[in-house]
Amino acid sequence: MKIGIIGHGGDKFTEYGKQMAQEKIIEILMNKQEGDVFISGHSPIGGIDIWSEDIARRLGYQLEIKCPK
């Protein structure tokens, strides 16, 4: 399955909001199945895209990065 998580840039979050967002990302990605791939737009302003990539990488997902041009 291909999985992607989208959202706001990091500048839109308080520290508490960042923590809550990262906890939700972990909750979503914890159910990894064999062959799952995480897709990201790799936002240049950071935030949800980058946090999701980092968490997916730690959880052993194969990453498919679609960098903006």
Protein backbone atom coordinates (compact mmCIF):
# COMPACT_ATOMS: atom_id res chain seq x y z
CA MET A 1 0.00 0.00 0.00
CA LYS A 2 1.17 3.54 -0.68
CA ILE A 3 0.68 5.91 2.25
CA GLY A 4 1.02 9.69 2.31
CA ILE A 5 0.30 12.26 4.99
CA ILE A 6 -0.20 15.91 4.09
CA GLY A 7 -0.53 18.99 6.24
CA HIS A 8 0.78 22.41 7.16
CA GLY A 9 4.30 23.72 7.41
CA GLY A 10 6.08 23.68 10.75
CA ASP A 11 5.59 27.41 11.26
CA LYS A 12 1.85 26.83 11.77
CA PHE A 13 2.36 24.72 14.92
CA THR A 14 2.97 25.51 18.55
CA GLU A 15 5.30 23.10 20.35
CA TYR A 16 2.24 21.36 21.76
CA GLY A 17 0.63 21.18 18.33
CA LYS A 18 3.84 19.73 16.86
CA GLN A 19 3.92 17.06 19.57
CA MET A 20 0.27 16.16 18.99
CA ALA A 21 0.77 16.01 15.20
CA GLN A 22 3.79 13.73 15.56
CA GLU A 23 1.89 11.43 17.93
CA LYS A 24 -0.93 11.16 15.36
CA ILE A 25 1.57 10.42 12.57
CA ILE A 26 3.07 7.62 14.69
CA GLU A 27 -0.41 6.25 15.37
CA ILE A 28 -1.20 6.19 11.64
CA LEU A 29 2.11 4.65 10.58
CA MET A 30 2.42 2.03 13.34
CA ASN A 31 0.30 -0.45 11.36
CA LYS A 32 2.98 -1.01 8.72
CA GLN A 33 2.50 -4.04 6.51
CA GLU A 34 5.10 -5.80 4.37
CA GLY A 35 5.62 -3.83 1.16
CA ASP A 36 4.07 -0.55 2.38
CA VAL A 37 5.65 2.56 0.85
CA PHE A 38 5.52 6.04 2.34
CA ILE A 39 5.18 8.88 -0.19
CA SER A 40 6.09 12.47 0.64
CA GLY A 41 6.12 15.79 -1.16
CA HIS A 42 9.16 16.78 0.96
CA SER A 43 7.95 20.31 1.59
CA PRO A 44 10.82 22.81 1.61
CA ILE A 45 9.23 24.62 4.57
CA GLY A 46 9.20 21.50 6.76
CA GLY A 47 6.35 20.49 9.02
CA ILE A 48 4.05 17.52 8.46
CA ASP A 49 5.87 16.26 5.33
CA ILE A 50 9.28 16.17 6.98
CA TRP A 51 8.04 14.88 10.35
CA SER A 52 6.17 12.10 8.55
CA GLU A 53 9.23 11.17 6.50
CA ASP A 54 11.41 10.98 9.61
CA ILE A 55 8.89 8.82 11.47
CA ALA A 56 8.30 6.57 8.45
CA ARG A 57 12.06 6.10 8.06
CA ARG A 58 12.42 5.14 11.75
CA LEU A 59 9.55 2.65 11.39
CA GLY A 60 11.23 0.95 8.41
CA TYR A 61 9.09 2.21 5.54
CA GLN A 62 10.46 2.38 2.03
CA LEU A 63 10.27 6.09 1.07
CA GLU A 64 9.19 7.58 -2.24
CA ILE A 65 10.05 11.28 -2.18
CA LYS A 66 8.43 13.66 -4.69
CA CYS A 67 10.42 16.89 -4.24
CA PRO A 68 8.83 20.09 -5.54
CA LYS A 69 10.59 21.75 -8.48
